[in-house]
Amino acid sequence: MAKIKSTLDIQLDLTRPVEELTEVISAVIASQPARRKEILIGLDIAVENAIAEIESQEQSVQETHYE
């Protein structure tokens, strides 16, 4: 389970990444209610970029296998 302090000294159980990251995100936005939307938009952009990179790599691998 993620251990969260006011300084956000975080320890994650990497066997449960989604649940742990969800707890961390919830803690961050709870500590910054006025910036909640800004934080979530920034996170959304970072996630979209990471997914696009993965999809680009997957497409490159597929194209290599079909050549």
N, C-alpha and C. Protein backbone atom coordinates (compact mmCIF):
# COMPACT_ATOMS: atom_id res chain seq x y z
N MET A 1 0.84 -1.17 0.00
CA MET A 1 0.00 0.00 0.00
C MET A 1 0.89 1.24 0.00
N ALA A 2 0.52 2.25 -0.73
CA ALA A 2 1.28 3.48 -0.79
C ALA A 2 1.25 4.15 0.58
N LYS A 3 2.43 4.58 1.03
CA LYS A 3 2.53 5.32 2.29
C LYS A 3 2.71 6.77 1.93
N ILE A 4 1.73 7.60 2.26
CA ILE A 4 1.73 8.99 1.83
C ILE A 4 1.76 9.91 3.04
N LYS A 5 2.73 10.85 3.05
CA LYS A 5 2.85 11.84 4.11
C LYS A 5 2.58 13.20 3.50
N SER A 6 2.49 14.22 4.33
CA SER A 6 2.22 15.56 3.80
C SER A 6 3.33 16.03 2.87
N THR A 7 4.52 15.49 3.02
CA THR A 7 5.63 15.83 2.12
C THR A 7 5.65 14.91 0.91
N LEU A 8 4.72 14.01 0.85
CA LEU A 8 4.61 13.01 -0.20
C LEU A 8 5.88 12.18 -0.35
N ASP A 9 6.32 11.66 0.77
CA ASP A 9 7.38 10.66 0.80
C ASP A 9 6.67 9.36 0.46
N ILE A 10 6.83 8.91 -0.78
CA ILE A 10 5.99 7.84 -1.30
C ILE A 10 6.78 6.56 -1.51
N GLN A 11 6.18 5.47 -1.09
CA GLN A 11 6.68 4.14 -1.39
C GLN A 11 5.58 3.41 -2.14
N LEU A 12 5.92 2.86 -3.30
CA LEU A 12 4.92 2.19 -4.12
C LEU A 12 5.18 0.69 -4.15
N ASP A 13 4.10 -0.05 -4.12
CA ASP A 13 4.16 -1.49 -4.35
C ASP A 13 4.05 -1.67 -5.86
N LEU A 14 5.16 -1.96 -6.52
CA LEU A 14 5.18 -2.04 -7.98
C LEU A 14 4.46 -3.26 -8.53
N THR A 15 3.98 -4.13 -7.65
CA THR A 15 3.16 -5.24 -8.12
C THR A 15 1.71 -4.80 -8.31
N ARG A 16 1.39 -3.57 -7.85
CA ARG A 16 0.04 -3.00 -7.98
C ARG A 16 0.15 -1.57 -8.50
N PRO A 17 0.75 -1.37 -9.66
CA PRO A 17 1.05 -0.01 -10.11
C PRO A 17 -0.16 0.90 -10.30
N VAL A 18 -1.23 0.39 -10.86
CA VAL A 18 -2.40 1.23 -11.13
C VAL A 18 -3.03 1.70 -9.81
N GLU A 19 -3.24 0.79 -8.91
CA GLU A 19 -3.85 1.14 -7.63
C GLU A 19 -2.97 2.12 -6.85
N GLU A 20 -1.67 1.86 -6.85
CA GLU A 20 -0.75 2.71 -6.10
C GLU A 20 -0.67 4.11 -6.70
N LEU A 21 -0.56 4.20 -8.02
CA LEU A 21 -0.50 5.50 -8.67
C LEU A 21 -1.81 6.27 -8.49
N THR A 22 -2.92 5.55 -8.50
CA THR A 22 -4.21 6.19 -8.27
C THR A 22 -4.27 6.81 -6.88
N GLU A 23 -3.73 6.12 -5.89
CA GLU A 23 -3.69 6.67 -4.54
C GLU A 23 -2.82 7.93 -4.48
N VAL A 24 -1.69 7.88 -5.15
CA VAL A 24 -0.79 9.04 -5.15
C VAL A 24 -1.46 10.24 -5.84
N ILE A 25 -2.07 10.01 -6.99
CA ILE A 25 -2.76 11.09 -7.70
C ILE A 25 -3.87 11.67 -6.83
N SER A 26 -4.62 10.82 -6.17
CA SER A 26 -5.69 11.29 -5.29
C SER A 26 -5.13 12.15 -4.16
N ALA A 27 -4.00 11.74 -3.60
CA ALA A 27 -3.38 12.51 -2.52
C ALA A 27 -2.90 13.87 -3.01
N VAL A 28 -2.32 13.90 -4.19
CA VAL A 28 -1.81 15.16 -4.73
C VAL A 28 -2.95 16.13 -5.01
N ILE A 29 -3.99 15.66 -5.67
CA ILE A 29 -5.08 16.60 -5.98
C ILE A 29 -5.86 16.99 -4.73
N ALA A 30 -5.89 16.13 -3.73
CA ALA A 30 -6.55 16.49 -2.47
C ALA A 30 -5.76 17.58 -1.74
N SER A 31 -4.44 17.57 -1.92
CA SER A 31 -3.60 18.57 -1.25
C SER A 31 -3.58 19.90 -2.00
N GLN A 32 -4.04 19.90 -3.23
CA GLN A 32 -4.02 21.10 -4.08
C GLN A 32 -5.38 21.30 -4.75
N PRO A 33 -6.44 21.49 -3.98
CA PRO A 33 -7.78 21.55 -4.58
C PRO A 33 -7.94 22.67 -5.62
N ALA A 34 -7.27 23.78 -5.42
CA ALA A 34 -7.40 24.89 -6.37
C ALA A 34 -6.70 24.60 -7.69
N ARG A 35 -5.75 23.66 -7.69
CA ARG A 35 -5.00 23.33 -8.90
C ARG A 35 -5.37 21.95 -9.45
N ARG A 36 -6.46 21.39 -8.94
CA ARG A 36 -6.85 20.02 -9.31
C ARG A 36 -6.96 19.84 -10.82
N LYS A 37 -7.66 20.75 -11.49
CA LYS A 37 -7.84 20.63 -12.94
C LYS A 37 -6.50 20.75 -13.66
N GLU A 38 -5.69 21.71 -13.27
CA GLU A 38 -4.37 21.90 -13.88
C GLU A 38 -3.50 20.65 -13.74
N ILE A 39 -3.51 20.07 -12.56
CA ILE A 39 -2.72 18.86 -12.31
C ILE A 39 -3.21 17.72 -13.18
N LEU A 40 -4.52 17.52 -13.22
CA LEU A 40 -5.08 16.42 -14.01
C LEU A 40 -4.86 16.61 -15.51
N ILE A 41 -4.94 17.84 -15.99
CA ILE A 41 -4.67 18.09 -17.41
C ILE A 41 -3.21 17.79 -17.72
N GLY A 42 -2.30 18.22 -16.86
CA GLY A 42 -0.88 17.92 -17.06
C GLY A 42 -0.61 16.43 -17.04
N LEU A 43 -1.25 15.73 -16.15
CA LEU A 43 -1.11 14.28 -16.08
C LEU A 43 -1.67 13.62 -17.33
N ASP A 44 -2.82 14.11 -17.79
CA ASP A 44 -3.44 13.58 -19.00
C ASP A 44 -2.50 13.74 -20.20
N ILE A 45 -1.87 14.89 -20.32
CA ILE A 45 -0.94 15.12 -21.42
C ILE A 45 0.24 14.17 -21.33
N ALA A 46 0.79 13.99 -20.13
CA ALA A 46 1.93 13.09 -19.95
C ALA A 46 1.55 11.65 -20.30
N VAL A 47 0.37 11.22 -19.90
CA VAL A 47 -0.09 9.86 -20.20
C VAL A 47 -0.31 9.70 -21.70
N GLU A 48 -0.96 10.67 -22.33
CA GLU A 48 -1.18 10.61 -23.78
C GLU A 48 0.15 10.52 -24.53
N ASN A 49 1.15 11.30 -24.10
CA ASN A 49 2.46 11.26 -24.75
C ASN A 49 3.12 9.90 -24.58
N ALA A 50 3.02 9.33 -23.40
CA ALA A 50 3.60 8.01 -23.15
C ALA A 50 2.93 6.93 -24.00
N ILE A 51 1.60 7.00 -24.11
CA ILE A 51 0.87 6.04 -24.93
C ILE A 51 1.24 6.20 -26.40
N ALA A 52 1.35 7.44 -26.87
CA ALA A 52 1.73 7.68 -28.27
C ALA A 52 3.11 7.11 -28.56
N GLU A 53 4.03 7.25 -27.61
CA GLU A 53 5.38 6.71 -27.80
C GLU A 53 5.35 5.18 -27.88
N ILE A 54 4.58 4.56 -27.02
CA ILE A 54 4.45 3.10 -27.03
C ILE A 54 3.84 2.64 -28.36
N GLU A 55 2.79 3.31 -28.80
CA GLU A 55 2.14 2.93 -30.05
C GLU A 55 3.07 3.11 -31.24
N SER A 56 3.88 4.15 -31.20
CA SER A 56 4.86 4.39 -32.28
C SER A 56 5.89 3.27 -32.31
N GLN A 57 6.36 2.86 -31.14
CA GLN A 57 7.32 1.76 -31.06
C GLN A 57 6.70 0.46 -31.54
N GLU A 58 5.46 0.21 -31.16
CA GLU A 58 4.77 -1.01 -31.60
C GLU A 58 4.60 -1.02 -33.12
N GLN A 59 4.27 0.15 -33.69
CA GLN A 59 4.11 0.23 -35.13
C GLN A 59 5.43 -0.02 -35.84
N SER A 60 6.51 0.49 -35.29
CA SER A 60 7.84 0.27 -35.89
C SER A 60 8.20 -1.20 -35.87
N VAL A 61 7.87 -1.88 -34.78
CA VAL A 61 8.16 -3.32 -34.68
C VAL A 61 7.33 -4.08 -35.70
N GLN A 62 6.05 -3.74 -35.84
CA GLN A 62 5.19 -4.41 -36.82
C GLN A 62 5.70 -4.19 -38.22
N GLU A 63 6.10 -2.98 -38.55
CA GLU A 63 6.61 -2.68 -39.90
C GLU A 63 7.91 -3.44 -40.17
N THR A 64 8.73 -3.61 -39.17
CA THR A 64 9.98 -4.35 -39.32
C THR A 64 9.70 -5.82 -39.61
N HIS A 65 8.69 -6.38 -38.96
CA HIS A 65 8.35 -7.80 -39.16
C HIS A 65 7.72 -8.05 -40.53
N TYR A 66 7.10 -7.05 -41.12
CA TYR A 66 6.43 -7.24 -42.41
C TYR A 66 7.35 -6.96 -43.59
N GLU A 67 8.55 -6.47 -43.34
CA GLU A 67 9.46 -6.16 -44.45
C GLU A 67 10.19 -7.40 -44.91
